[in-house]
Amino acid sequence: MRKILNLLCNLHLLIVFVMMLVSEATLAKDAPLRVVAFGTSLTARGGWQDALAQTLERCGGRAVTVETIARVGASSRWALEAVADVVAQRPDIVLVEFAVNDAALNRFMLPSTSESNLRRIVAVLQSGSPPPRIVLMAMNPVIGLRGIIRPFLDRYYDINARVAESEGLMFVDHRPAWKKLSLSELASALPDGSHPRPETASRLIVPALGAALFPDCRE
């Protein structure tokens, strides 16, 4: 009799445990997908976050929140100070871009330093529980006077690709979309030489991110 009672008790505990797992899985599925956009003024002033949320909601079939943790003039040095705030958000996805300011000559940052900083940022993000999906990005070109002080911008953008490959992360390169613009279109899209108009940023950035995060989704 005691064995039967113990068996029934263990069976009851097993059922409760399974129900808890199912409940947690259901809650996780119903909870909004949390995205943090972590970067420079290209993110802080980007204006593409709402369009991204709409695209990811359509592709993923669930609500999406996009939190922006970014600062005008920020480089990867600032990112090292702010990355703990990103982890505290417990995001599902983190979009990272700091190369455009690391590349500015007046920042006196060698490519090796930029790469070292980026690897440290990634390590902190990966310490999150659970660790988020990290997306490193190469953003738009910079033209005019702002471009002159960034003569090696592509080299800094390529650091993101190298780190992503070595760390098993996702890399989204927005440069090909920008290269399709004519010179007059590019000048119109970047009125101050570096910051895209929000409508252009949304049109060029969002589809690439949506396709990368949800490959089966189509516009």
N, C-alpha and C. Protein backbone atom coordinates (compact mmCIF):
# COMPACT_ATOMS: atom_id res chain seq x y z
N MET A 1 0.83 -1.22 0.00
CA MET A 1 0.00 0.00 0.00
C MET A 1 0.86 1.26 0.00
N ARG A 2 1.94 1.22 0.84
CA ARG A 2 2.81 2.38 0.92
C ARG A 2 3.51 2.63 -0.41
N LYS A 3 3.88 1.55 -1.11
CA LYS A 3 4.53 1.70 -2.41
C LYS A 3 3.59 2.35 -3.42
N ILE A 4 2.31 1.94 -3.33
CA ILE A 4 1.32 2.52 -4.25
C ILE A 4 1.14 4.01 -3.97
N LEU A 5 1.10 4.38 -2.68
CA LEU A 5 0.95 5.80 -2.31
C LEU A 5 2.16 6.61 -2.77
N ASN A 6 3.36 6.03 -2.58
CA ASN A 6 4.57 6.72 -3.02
C ASN A 6 4.57 6.89 -4.53
N LEU A 7 4.10 5.86 -5.24
CA LEU A 7 4.04 5.93 -6.70
C LEU A 7 3.06 7.02 -7.16
N LEU A 8 1.91 7.06 -6.50
CA LEU A 8 0.91 8.09 -6.83
C LEU A 8 1.43 9.48 -6.52
N CYS A 9 2.15 9.60 -5.41
CA CYS A 9 2.71 10.91 -5.02
C CYS A 9 3.74 11.37 -6.04
N ASN A 10 4.61 10.45 -6.46
CA ASN A 10 5.63 10.79 -7.46
C ASN A 10 4.99 11.14 -8.80
N LEU A 11 3.94 10.40 -9.14
CA LEU A 11 3.23 10.68 -10.39
C LEU A 11 2.59 12.06 -10.35
N HIS A 12 2.02 12.42 -9.19
CA HIS A 12 1.42 13.74 -9.03
C HIS A 12 2.47 14.83 -9.18
N LEU A 13 3.64 14.64 -8.57
CA LEU A 13 4.71 15.63 -8.67
C LEU A 13 5.19 15.77 -10.11
N LEU A 14 5.25 14.65 -10.82
CA LEU A 14 5.68 14.68 -12.21
C LEU A 14 4.68 15.47 -13.06
N ILE A 15 3.39 15.24 -12.83
CA ILE A 15 2.35 15.96 -13.57
C ILE A 15 2.43 17.45 -13.30
N VAL A 16 2.62 17.83 -12.03
CA VAL A 16 2.75 19.25 -11.67
C VAL A 16 3.96 19.87 -12.36
N PHE A 17 5.07 19.13 -12.39
CA PHE A 17 6.30 19.64 -13.01
C PHE A 17 6.09 19.86 -14.51
N VAL A 18 5.46 18.89 -15.17
CA VAL A 18 5.21 19.01 -16.61
C VAL A 18 4.28 20.19 -16.90
N MET A 19 3.26 20.36 -16.05
CA MET A 19 2.33 21.47 -16.24
C MET A 19 3.05 22.80 -16.07
N MET A 20 4.00 22.86 -15.14
CA MET A 20 4.78 24.09 -14.95
C MET A 20 5.61 24.40 -16.18
N LEU A 21 6.23 23.36 -16.75
CA LEU A 21 7.04 23.56 -17.95
C LEU A 21 6.19 24.05 -19.11
N VAL A 22 5.03 23.44 -19.27
CA VAL A 22 4.12 23.85 -20.35
C VAL A 22 3.66 25.28 -20.15
N SER A 23 3.35 25.64 -18.89
CA SER A 23 2.91 26.99 -18.58
C SER A 23 3.99 28.01 -18.87
N GLU A 24 5.25 27.69 -18.49
CA GLU A 24 6.36 28.60 -18.74
C GLU A 24 6.59 28.76 -20.23
N ALA A 25 6.48 27.66 -20.97
CA ALA A 25 6.68 27.73 -22.42
C ALA A 25 5.60 28.58 -23.07
N THR A 26 4.36 28.45 -22.59
CA THR A 26 3.26 29.25 -23.13
C THR A 26 3.46 30.72 -22.84
N LEU A 27 3.88 31.02 -21.61
CA LEU A 27 4.13 32.42 -21.25
C LEU A 27 5.25 33.01 -22.09
N ALA A 28 6.31 32.20 -22.31
CA ALA A 28 7.44 32.69 -23.10
C ALA A 28 7.01 32.97 -24.53
N LYS A 29 6.14 32.09 -25.06
CA LYS A 29 5.67 32.28 -26.44
C LYS A 29 4.79 33.51 -26.55
N ASP A 30 3.97 33.77 -25.53
CA ASP A 30 3.04 34.89 -25.57
C ASP A 30 3.69 36.22 -25.20
N ALA A 31 4.84 36.16 -24.51
CA ALA A 31 5.50 37.39 -24.08
C ALA A 31 6.07 38.13 -25.29
N PRO A 32 6.12 39.46 -25.22
CA PRO A 32 6.69 40.22 -26.35
C PRO A 32 8.15 39.85 -26.59
N LEU A 33 8.54 39.85 -27.85
CA LEU A 33 9.93 39.69 -28.21
C LEU A 33 10.64 41.00 -27.88
N ARG A 34 11.65 40.92 -27.04
CA ARG A 34 12.32 42.13 -26.56
C ARG A 34 13.60 42.37 -27.34
N VAL A 35 13.66 43.50 -28.01
CA VAL A 35 14.82 43.88 -28.81
C VAL A 35 15.43 45.14 -28.23
N VAL A 36 16.75 45.17 -28.11
CA VAL A 36 17.45 46.39 -27.71
C VAL A 36 18.34 46.83 -28.87
N ALA A 37 18.17 48.06 -29.31
CA ALA A 37 19.03 48.67 -30.33
C ALA A 37 20.10 49.47 -29.60
N PHE A 38 21.34 49.02 -29.70
CA PHE A 38 22.46 49.52 -28.89
C PHE A 38 23.48 50.15 -29.83
N GLY A 39 23.63 51.48 -29.74
CA GLY A 39 24.56 52.07 -30.69
C GLY A 39 24.77 53.56 -30.57
N THR A 40 25.07 54.16 -31.70
CA THR A 40 25.46 55.56 -31.83
C THR A 40 24.24 56.40 -32.20
N SER A 41 24.48 57.60 -32.71
CA SER A 41 23.38 58.45 -33.17
C SER A 41 22.67 57.83 -34.37
N LEU A 42 23.33 56.91 -35.09
CA LEU A 42 22.66 56.22 -36.19
C LEU A 42 21.51 55.38 -35.66
N THR A 43 21.57 55.03 -34.39
CA THR A 43 20.49 54.33 -33.71
C THR A 43 19.64 55.31 -32.92
N ALA A 44 20.29 56.20 -32.15
CA ALA A 44 19.56 57.14 -31.30
C ALA A 44 18.65 58.04 -32.12
N ARG A 45 19.11 58.44 -33.30
CA ARG A 45 18.33 59.32 -34.16
C ARG A 45 17.83 58.60 -35.40
N GLY A 46 17.91 57.27 -35.38
CA GLY A 46 17.65 56.51 -36.59
C GLY A 46 16.23 56.58 -37.10
N GLY A 47 15.27 56.46 -36.20
CA GLY A 47 13.88 56.50 -36.61
C GLY A 47 13.37 55.25 -37.29
N TRP A 48 14.16 54.16 -37.26
CA TRP A 48 13.76 52.92 -37.93
C TRP A 48 13.20 51.88 -36.97
N GLN A 49 13.21 52.19 -35.68
CA GLN A 49 12.83 51.19 -34.68
C GLN A 49 11.35 50.79 -34.76
N ASP A 50 10.46 51.76 -34.98
CA ASP A 50 9.03 51.42 -35.06
C ASP A 50 8.75 50.52 -36.26
N ALA A 51 9.37 50.83 -37.38
CA ALA A 51 9.19 50.00 -38.57
C ALA A 51 9.75 48.60 -38.34
N LEU A 52 10.86 48.52 -37.60
CA LEU A 52 11.43 47.21 -37.29
C LEU A 52 10.48 46.40 -36.43
N ALA A 53 9.91 47.03 -35.41
CA ALA A 53 8.97 46.32 -34.53
C ALA A 53 7.79 45.78 -35.33
N GLN A 54 7.27 46.58 -36.25
CA GLN A 54 6.13 46.14 -37.06
C GLN A 54 6.50 44.96 -37.95
N THR A 55 7.68 45.01 -38.55
CA THR A 55 8.12 43.91 -39.41
C THR A 55 8.34 42.63 -38.61
N LEU A 56 8.99 42.75 -37.46
CA LEU A 56 9.25 41.55 -36.65
C LEU A 56 7.96 40.97 -36.08
N GLU A 57 7.00 41.83 -35.76
CA GLU A 57 5.71 41.33 -35.29
C GLU A 57 5.02 40.52 -36.38
N ARG A 58 5.07 41.03 -37.60
CA ARG A 58 4.44 40.32 -38.72
C ARG A 58 5.15 39.01 -39.00
N CYS A 59 6.47 39.03 -38.96
CA CYS A 59 7.24 37.83 -39.29
C CYS A 59 7.22 36.80 -38.16
N GLY A 60 7.25 37.27 -36.93
CA GLY A 60 7.32 36.36 -35.80
C GLY A 60 5.99 35.97 -35.21
N GLY A 61 4.93 36.69 -35.57
CA GLY A 61 3.62 36.35 -35.06
C GLY A 61 3.43 36.61 -33.58
N ARG A 62 4.18 37.56 -33.04
CA ARG A 62 4.04 37.92 -31.63
C ARG A 62 4.40 39.39 -31.45
N ALA A 63 3.99 39.94 -30.33
CA ALA A 63 4.29 41.35 -30.06
C ALA A 63 5.80 41.57 -29.94
N VAL A 64 6.25 42.75 -30.32
CA VAL A 64 7.67 43.09 -30.27
C VAL A 64 7.84 44.45 -29.61
N THR A 65 8.79 44.55 -28.71
CA THR A 65 9.18 45.85 -28.16
C THR A 65 10.63 46.12 -28.56
N VAL A 66 10.90 47.33 -29.01
CA VAL A 66 12.26 47.73 -29.37
C VAL A 66 12.68 48.87 -28.45
N GLU A 67 13.62 48.58 -27.57
CA GLU A 67 14.16 49.58 -26.64
C GLU A 67 15.46 50.11 -27.23
N THR A 68 15.63 51.44 -27.18
CA THR A 68 16.84 52.05 -27.71
C THR A 68 17.76 52.49 -26.58
N ILE A 69 18.96 51.95 -26.56
CA ILE A 69 20.01 52.38 -25.64
C ILE A 69 21.16 52.85 -26.52
N ALA A 70 21.21 54.14 -26.76
CA ALA A 70 22.16 54.70 -27.71
C ALA A 70 22.43 56.15 -27.34
N ARG A 71 23.53 56.68 -27.85
CA ARG A 71 23.88 58.07 -27.54
C ARG A 71 24.59 58.72 -28.72
N VAL A 72 24.25 59.96 -28.97
CA VAL A 72 24.92 60.73 -30.01
C VAL A 72 26.40 60.85 -29.66
N GLY A 73 27.26 60.53 -30.62
CA GLY A 73 28.70 60.63 -30.40
C GLY A 73 29.31 59.43 -29.69
N ALA A 74 28.51 58.42 -29.39
CA ALA A 74 29.02 57.27 -28.64
C ALA A 74 29.98 56.44 -29.48
N SER A 75 30.99 55.92 -28.81
CA SER A 75 31.90 54.97 -29.42
C SER A 75 31.84 53.69 -28.59
N SER A 76 32.68 52.72 -28.94
CA SER A 76 32.68 51.47 -28.18
C SER A 76 33.20 51.67 -26.76
N ARG A 77 33.89 52.77 -26.51
CA ARG A 77 34.31 53.06 -25.12
C ARG A 77 33.08 53.33 -24.26
N TRP A 78 32.17 54.14 -24.77
CA TRP A 78 30.92 54.39 -24.04
C TRP A 78 30.11 53.10 -23.92
N ALA A 79 30.12 52.31 -24.98
CA ALA A 79 29.35 51.06 -24.96
C ALA A 79 29.79 50.15 -23.83
N LEU A 80 31.07 50.13 -23.53
CA LEU A 80 31.57 49.30 -22.42
C LEU A 80 30.98 49.76 -21.09
N GLU A 81 30.72 51.05 -20.98
CA GLU A 81 30.13 51.57 -19.75
C GLU A 81 28.63 51.30 -19.70
N ALA A 82 27.98 51.26 -20.85
CA ALA A 82 26.52 51.15 -20.91
C ALA A 82 26.00 49.73 -21.11
N VAL A 83 26.88 48.79 -21.43
CA VAL A 83 26.42 47.45 -21.80
C VAL A 83 25.69 46.75 -20.66
N ALA A 84 26.04 47.08 -19.41
CA ALA A 84 25.33 46.46 -18.27
C ALA A 84 23.86 46.87 -18.27
N ASP A 85 23.57 48.08 -18.74
CA ASP A 85 22.17 48.53 -18.83
C ASP A 85 21.40 47.71 -19.87
N VAL A 86 22.09 47.30 -20.91
CA VAL A 86 21.46 46.46 -21.93
C VAL A 86 21.13 45.09 -21.35
N VAL A 87 22.10 44.50 -20.65
CA VAL A 87 21.89 43.19 -20.04
C VAL A 87 20.73 43.23 -19.06
N ALA A 88 20.62 44.35 -18.32
CA ALA A 88 19.55 44.49 -17.32
C ALA A 88 18.16 44.45 -17.94
N GLN A 89 18.05 44.78 -19.23
CA GLN A 89 16.76 44.73 -19.92
C GLN A 89 16.33 43.29 -20.22
N ARG A 90 17.23 42.35 -20.08
CA ARG A 90 16.99 40.94 -20.40
C ARG A 90 16.38 40.79 -21.81
N PRO A 91 17.07 41.34 -22.80
CA PRO A 91 16.52 41.30 -24.17
C PRO A 91 16.65 39.92 -24.79
N ASP A 92 15.81 39.66 -25.77
CA ASP A 92 15.93 38.46 -26.58
C ASP A 92 16.93 38.67 -27.71
N ILE A 93 16.98 39.90 -28.22
CA ILE A 93 17.85 40.26 -29.34
C ILE A 93 18.51 41.59 -29.04
N VAL A 94 19.81 41.70 -29.34
CA VAL A 94 20.52 42.98 -29.20
C VAL A 94 21.16 43.31 -30.54
N LEU A 95 20.87 44.50 -31.06
CA LEU A 95 21.48 45.01 -32.29
C LEU A 95 22.60 45.96 -31.89
N VAL A 96 23.79 45.74 -32.41
CA VAL A 96 24.97 46.48 -31.96
C VAL A 96 25.63 47.20 -33.12
N GLU A 97 25.90 48.51 -32.95
CA GLU A 97 26.65 49.28 -33.96
C GLU A 97 27.39 50.44 -33.30
N PHE A 98 28.74 50.40 -33.35
CA PHE A 98 29.56 51.50 -32.84
C PHE A 98 30.73 51.83 -33.77
N ALA A 99 30.86 51.12 -34.87
CA ALA A 99 32.02 51.29 -35.74
C ALA A 99 32.12 52.70 -36.32
N VAL A 100 30.97 53.33 -36.60
CA VAL A 100 31.01 54.61 -37.30
C VAL A 100 31.74 55.68 -36.49
N ASN A 101 31.66 55.63 -35.17
CA ASN A 101 32.39 56.61 -34.36
C ASN A 101 33.77 56.12 -33.96
N ASP A 102 33.94 54.81 -33.81
CA ASP A 102 35.28 54.28 -33.57
C ASP A 102 36.20 54.67 -34.72
N ALA A 103 35.64 54.76 -35.93
CA ALA A 103 36.44 55.02 -37.12
C ALA A 103 36.85 56.48 -37.28
N ALA A 104 36.23 57.39 -36.54
CA ALA A 104 36.54 58.82 -36.68
C ALA A 104 37.96 59.11 -36.20
N LEU A 105 38.75 59.80 -37.02
CA LEU A 105 40.14 60.07 -36.69
C LEU A 105 40.29 60.83 -35.38
N ASN A 106 39.32 61.71 -35.08
CA ASN A 106 39.42 62.50 -33.86
C ASN A 106 39.16 61.68 -32.59
N ARG A 107 38.77 60.40 -32.76
CA ARG A 107 38.59 59.51 -31.59
C ARG A 107 39.88 58.80 -31.22
N PHE A 108 40.86 58.84 -32.13
CA PHE A 108 42.17 58.23 -31.86
C PHE A 108 42.03 56.77 -31.39
N MET A 109 41.20 56.02 -32.10
CA MET A 109 40.98 54.62 -31.73
C MET A 109 41.49 53.71 -32.85
N LEU A 110 42.48 52.92 -32.55
CA LEU A 110 43.01 51.98 -33.51
C LEU A 110 41.99 50.88 -33.78
N PRO A 111 42.02 50.28 -34.97
CA PRO A 111 41.13 49.15 -35.24
C PRO A 111 41.26 48.03 -34.22
N SER A 112 42.49 47.79 -33.76
CA SER A 112 42.69 46.73 -32.76
C SER A 112 41.99 47.04 -31.46
N THR A 113 41.95 48.31 -31.09
CA THR A 113 41.24 48.71 -29.86
C THR A 113 39.74 48.56 -30.05
N SER A 114 39.26 48.98 -31.22
CA SER A 114 37.84 48.85 -31.52
C SER A 114 37.41 47.39 -31.45
N GLU A 115 38.22 46.50 -32.01
CA GLU A 115 37.89 45.08 -32.00
C GLU A 115 37.92 44.52 -30.58
N SER A 116 38.93 44.91 -29.81
CA SER A 116 39.01 44.46 -28.42
C SER A 116 37.79 44.91 -27.62
N ASN A 117 37.39 46.16 -27.81
CA ASN A 117 36.21 46.67 -27.11
C ASN A 117 34.96 45.90 -27.51
N LEU A 118 34.83 45.64 -28.81
CA LEU A 118 33.65 44.93 -29.29
C LEU A 118 33.58 43.52 -28.71
N ARG A 119 34.70 42.86 -28.63
CA ARG A 119 34.73 41.51 -28.06
C ARG A 119 34.35 41.53 -26.58
N ARG A 120 34.77 42.55 -25.89
CA ARG A 120 34.40 42.68 -24.47
C ARG A 120 32.90 42.96 -24.32
N ILE A 121 32.36 43.79 -25.20
CA ILE A 121 30.92 44.07 -25.19
C ILE A 121 30.14 42.78 -25.42
N VAL A 122 30.56 42.01 -26.40
CA VAL A 122 29.89 40.74 -26.71
C VAL A 122 29.95 39.80 -25.51
N ALA A 123 31.09 39.75 -24.85
CA ALA A 123 31.24 38.86 -23.69
C ALA A 123 30.27 39.24 -22.58
N VAL A 124 30.10 40.53 -22.35
CA VAL A 124 29.17 40.97 -21.31
C VAL A 124 27.74 40.62 -21.71
N LEU A 125 27.39 40.87 -22.96
CA LEU A 125 26.04 40.54 -23.43
C LEU A 125 25.77 39.04 -23.29
N GLN A 126 26.76 38.23 -23.58
CA GLN A 126 26.59 36.78 -23.50
C GLN A 126 26.47 36.28 -22.06
N SER A 127 26.81 37.14 -21.10
CA SER A 127 26.69 36.75 -19.70
C SER A 127 25.26 36.88 -19.19
N GLY A 128 24.38 37.45 -20.02
CA GLY A 128 22.98 37.59 -19.64
C GLY A 128 22.32 36.24 -19.44
N SER A 129 21.26 36.23 -18.65
CA SER A 129 20.55 34.98 -18.37
C SER A 129 19.07 35.13 -18.71
N PRO A 130 18.63 34.53 -19.82
CA PRO A 130 19.44 33.81 -20.81
C PRO A 130 20.20 34.77 -21.71
N PRO A 131 21.28 34.32 -22.34
CA PRO A 131 22.02 35.21 -23.24
C PRO A 131 21.17 35.59 -24.45
N PRO A 132 21.23 36.84 -24.88
CA PRO A 132 20.42 37.26 -26.03
C PRO A 132 21.05 36.83 -27.34
N ARG A 133 20.27 36.93 -28.38
CA ARG A 133 20.79 36.76 -29.74
C ARG A 133 21.43 38.09 -30.12
N ILE A 134 22.70 38.05 -30.47
CA ILE A 134 23.45 39.29 -30.74
C ILE A 134 23.63 39.47 -32.24
N VAL A 135 23.28 40.66 -32.71
CA VAL A 135 23.41 40.99 -34.13
C VAL A 135 24.36 42.18 -34.27
N LEU A 136 25.50 41.95 -34.89
CA LEU A 136 26.44 43.03 -35.16
C LEU A 136 26.13 43.60 -36.54
N MET A 137 26.25 44.93 -36.66
CA MET A 137 25.81 45.57 -37.91
C MET A 137 26.86 46.51 -38.48
N ALA A 138 26.92 46.55 -39.82
CA ALA A 138 27.63 47.60 -40.55
C ALA A 138 26.55 48.52 -41.10
N MET A 139 26.64 49.80 -40.79
CA MET A 139 25.58 50.73 -41.11
C MET A 139 25.83 51.43 -42.45
N ASN A 140 25.36 52.65 -42.57
CA ASN A 140 25.42 53.39 -43.83
C ASN A 140 26.80 54.01 -44.06
N PRO A 141 27.10 54.42 -45.28
CA PRO A 141 28.33 55.17 -45.55
C PRO A 141 28.23 56.57 -44.96
N VAL A 142 29.35 57.24 -44.86
CA VAL A 142 29.39 58.62 -44.39
C VAL A 142 30.08 59.44 -45.48
N ILE A 143 29.49 60.56 -45.85
CA ILE A 143 30.00 61.36 -46.96
C ILE A 143 30.30 62.78 -46.50
N GLY A 144 30.90 63.57 -47.41
CA GLY A 144 31.21 64.97 -47.09
C GLY A 144 32.30 65.08 -46.04
N LEU A 145 32.27 66.17 -45.28
CA LEU A 145 33.30 66.40 -44.27
C LEU A 145 33.32 65.31 -43.21
N ARG A 146 32.15 64.80 -42.85
CA ARG A 146 32.10 63.73 -41.86
C ARG A 146 32.75 62.46 -42.41
N GLY A 147 32.67 62.27 -43.71
CA GLY A 147 33.32 61.13 -44.31
C GLY A 147 34.83 61.28 -44.39
N ILE A 148 35.30 62.51 -44.56
CA ILE A 148 36.73 62.77 -44.66
C ILE A 148 37.46 62.33 -43.40
N ILE A 149 36.83 62.51 -42.25
CA ILE A 149 37.50 62.13 -40.99
C ILE A 149 37.28 60.64 -40.67
N ARG A 150 36.67 59.93 -41.60
CA ARG A 150 36.49 58.48 -41.44
C ARG A 150 36.99 57.76 -42.69
N PRO A 151 38.25 57.94 -43.04
CA PRO A 151 38.75 57.37 -44.30
C PRO A 151 38.82 55.84 -44.29
N PHE A 152 38.82 55.23 -43.12
CA PHE A 152 38.93 53.77 -43.02
C PHE A 152 37.67 53.15 -42.42
N LEU A 153 36.53 53.79 -42.67
CA LEU A 153 35.29 53.33 -42.06
C LEU A 153 34.99 51.87 -42.39
N ASP A 154 35.18 51.48 -43.65
CA ASP A 154 34.88 50.10 -44.03
C ASP A 154 35.73 49.10 -43.24
N ARG A 155 36.94 49.49 -42.93
CA ARG A 155 37.81 48.60 -42.14
C ARG A 155 37.20 48.36 -40.76
N TYR A 156 36.64 49.40 -40.18
CA TYR A 156 36.01 49.26 -38.86
C TYR A 156 34.70 48.49 -38.97
N TYR A 157 33.95 48.72 -40.04
CA TYR A 157 32.74 47.92 -40.25
C TYR A 157 33.09 46.44 -40.38
N ASP A 158 34.19 46.15 -41.08
CA ASP A 158 34.58 44.75 -41.29
C ASP A 158 34.97 44.05 -39.99
N ILE A 159 35.36 44.81 -39.00
CA ILE A 159 35.65 44.22 -37.68
C ILE A 159 34.42 43.50 -37.15
N ASN A 160 33.24 44.10 -37.37
CA ASN A 160 31.99 43.48 -36.91
C ASN A 160 31.79 42.12 -37.58
N ALA A 161 32.09 42.04 -38.86
CA ALA A 161 31.95 40.77 -39.57
C ALA A 161 32.91 39.73 -39.02
N ARG A 162 34.13 40.15 -38.74
CA ARG A 162 35.15 39.21 -38.23
C ARG A 162 34.78 38.71 -36.84
N VAL A 163 34.35 39.61 -35.97
CA VAL A 163 33.97 39.21 -34.62
C VAL A 163 32.74 38.30 -34.66
N ALA A 164 31.77 38.65 -35.50
CA ALA A 164 30.58 37.82 -35.62
C ALA A 164 30.94 36.40 -36.06
N GLU A 165 31.82 36.29 -37.03
CA GLU A 165 32.20 34.97 -37.53
C GLU A 165 32.91 34.16 -36.45
N SER A 166 33.83 34.78 -35.74
CA SER A 166 34.62 34.05 -34.74
C SER A 166 33.81 33.69 -33.51
N GLU A 167 32.78 34.49 -33.20
CA GLU A 167 31.98 34.26 -32.00
C GLU A 167 30.66 33.54 -32.30
N GLY A 168 30.41 33.22 -33.57
CA GLY A 168 29.17 32.55 -33.92
C GLY A 168 27.95 33.43 -33.80
N LEU A 169 28.13 34.72 -34.11
CA LEU A 169 27.04 35.68 -34.02
C LEU A 169 26.50 36.01 -35.40
N MET A 170 25.42 36.75 -35.44
CA MET A 170 24.84 37.19 -36.70
C MET A 170 25.45 38.54 -37.10
N PHE A 171 25.77 38.68 -38.36
CA PHE A 171 26.26 39.95 -38.90
C PHE A 171 25.34 40.39 -40.02
N VAL A 172 24.83 41.61 -39.89
CA VAL A 172 23.95 42.17 -40.93
C VAL A 172 24.67 43.38 -41.54
N ASP A 173 24.97 43.28 -42.80
CA ASP A 173 25.71 44.32 -43.51
C ASP A 173 24.74 45.15 -44.34
N HIS A 174 24.52 46.40 -43.92
CA HIS A 174 23.58 47.27 -44.63
C HIS A 174 24.23 48.00 -45.81
N ARG A 175 25.54 47.87 -45.96
CA ARG A 175 26.23 48.62 -47.01
C ARG A 175 25.74 48.30 -48.42
N PRO A 176 25.49 47.04 -48.76
CA PRO A 176 25.03 46.76 -50.13
C PRO A 176 23.77 47.51 -50.52
N ALA A 177 22.84 47.66 -49.59
CA ALA A 177 21.61 48.39 -49.89
C ALA A 177 21.91 49.86 -50.17
N TRP A 178 22.84 50.42 -49.41
CA TRP A 178 23.18 51.83 -49.62
C TRP A 178 23.93 52.04 -50.93
N LYS A 179 24.71 51.05 -51.34
CA LYS A 179 25.48 51.19 -52.57
C LYS A 179 24.60 51.21 -53.81
N LYS A 180 23.37 50.78 -53.67
CA LYS A 180 22.44 50.80 -54.81
C LYS A 180 21.91 52.21 -55.10
N LEU A 181 22.10 53.14 -54.17
CA LEU A 181 21.62 54.51 -54.38
C LEU A 181 22.56 55.26 -55.30
N SER A 182 22.01 56.12 -56.12
CA SER A 182 22.84 57.01 -56.94
C SER A 182 23.46 58.08 -56.04
N LEU A 183 24.40 58.82 -56.57
CA LEU A 183 25.06 59.86 -55.78
C LEU A 183 24.06 60.91 -55.31
N SER A 184 23.13 61.27 -56.18
CA SER A 184 22.13 62.28 -55.79
C SER A 184 21.18 61.72 -54.74
N GLU A 185 20.81 60.45 -54.89
CA GLU A 185 19.95 59.81 -53.89
C GLU A 185 20.65 59.71 -52.55
N LEU A 186 21.93 59.38 -52.58
CA LEU A 186 22.71 59.26 -51.35
C LEU A 186 22.82 60.61 -50.65
N ALA A 187 23.08 61.66 -51.41
CA ALA A 187 23.18 62.99 -50.83
C ALA A 187 21.86 63.42 -50.21
N SER A 188 20.76 63.06 -50.84
CA SER A 188 19.45 63.39 -50.29
C SER A 188 19.15 62.57 -49.04
N ALA A 189 19.57 61.31 -49.04
CA ALA A 189 19.29 60.42 -47.91
C ALA A 189 20.11 60.76 -46.69
N LEU A 190 21.31 61.38 -46.92
CA LEU A 190 22.21 61.74 -45.82
C LEU A 190 22.40 63.26 -45.82
N PRO A 191 21.43 64.02 -45.38
CA PRO A 191 21.50 65.48 -45.51
C PRO A 191 22.67 66.12 -44.79
N ASP A 192 23.12 65.52 -43.68
CA ASP A 192 24.28 66.08 -42.98
C ASP A 192 25.54 65.25 -43.23
N GLY A 193 25.44 64.29 -44.11
CA GLY A 193 26.60 63.48 -44.47
C GLY A 193 26.69 62.14 -43.75
N SER A 194 26.01 62.00 -42.62
CA SER A 194 26.12 60.74 -41.87
C SER A 194 24.81 60.18 -41.36
N HIS A 195 23.83 61.05 -41.03
CA HIS A 195 22.60 60.57 -40.43
C HIS A 195 21.49 60.44 -41.48
N PRO A 196 21.02 59.22 -41.73
CA PRO A 196 20.00 59.02 -42.76
C PRO A 196 18.66 59.63 -42.36
N ARG A 197 17.92 60.02 -43.37
CA ARG A 197 16.52 60.38 -43.11
C ARG A 197 15.81 59.13 -42.59
N PRO A 198 14.94 59.27 -41.58
CA PRO A 198 14.28 58.08 -40.99
C PRO A 198 13.57 57.21 -42.01
N GLU A 199 12.92 57.83 -43.00
CA GLU A 199 12.19 57.02 -43.97
C GLU A 199 13.14 56.19 -44.84
N THR A 200 14.31 56.76 -45.15
CA THR A 200 15.29 56.00 -45.93
C THR A 200 15.93 54.92 -45.09
N ALA A 201 16.26 55.25 -43.84
CA ALA A 201 16.84 54.25 -42.94
C ALA A 201 15.89 53.07 -42.77
N SER A 202 14.61 53.36 -42.58
CA SER A 202 13.62 52.29 -42.41
C SER A 202 13.52 51.43 -43.67
N ARG A 203 13.56 52.08 -44.82
CA ARG A 203 13.41 51.35 -46.08
C ARG A 203 14.60 50.44 -46.36
N LEU A 204 15.81 50.85 -45.94
CA LEU A 204 17.01 50.08 -46.26
C LEU A 204 17.45 49.15 -45.13
N ILE A 205 17.23 49.55 -43.89
CA ILE A 205 17.71 48.77 -42.75
C ILE A 205 16.74 47.67 -42.34
N VAL A 206 15.48 48.01 -42.26
CA VAL A 206 14.49 47.08 -41.69
C VAL A 206 14.35 45.78 -42.48
N PRO A 207 14.24 45.81 -43.81
CA PRO A 207 14.10 44.53 -44.54
C PRO A 207 15.26 43.59 -44.31
N ALA A 208 16.48 44.13 -44.24
CA ALA A 208 17.65 43.27 -44.03
C ALA A 208 17.61 42.61 -42.65
N LEU A 209 17.22 43.37 -41.65
CA LEU A 209 17.12 42.80 -40.31
C LEU A 209 15.99 41.77 -40.22
N GLY A 210 14.85 42.09 -40.83
CA GLY A 210 13.74 41.15 -40.82
C GLY A 210 14.10 39.83 -41.49
N ALA A 211 14.78 39.93 -42.64
CA ALA A 211 15.17 38.70 -43.37
C ALA A 211 16.21 37.90 -42.61
N ALA A 212 17.11 38.59 -41.91
CA ALA A 212 18.14 37.89 -41.14
C ALA A 212 17.56 37.19 -39.92
N LEU A 213 16.66 37.84 -39.23
CA LEU A 213 16.10 37.28 -38.01
C LEU A 213 15.00 36.26 -38.28
N PHE A 214 14.28 36.44 -39.40
CA PHE A 214 13.21 35.51 -39.78
C PHE A 214 13.37 35.18 -41.26
N PRO A 215 14.28 34.27 -41.59
CA PRO A 215 14.61 34.00 -43.00
C PRO A 215 13.43 33.55 -43.84
N ASP A 216 12.43 32.93 -43.23
CA ASP A 216 11.28 32.44 -43.99
C ASP A 216 10.23 33.51 -44.24
N CYS A 217 10.44 34.70 -43.64
CA CYS A 217 9.46 35.77 -43.79
C CYS A 217 9.74 36.56 -45.06
N ARG A 218 8.69 36.91 -45.76
CA ARG A 218 8.83 37.68 -46.99
C ARG A 218 7.99 38.93 -46.90
N GLU A 219 8.48 39.99 -47.53
CA GLU A 219 7.73 41.25 -47.56
C GLU A 219 6.43 41.07 -48.34
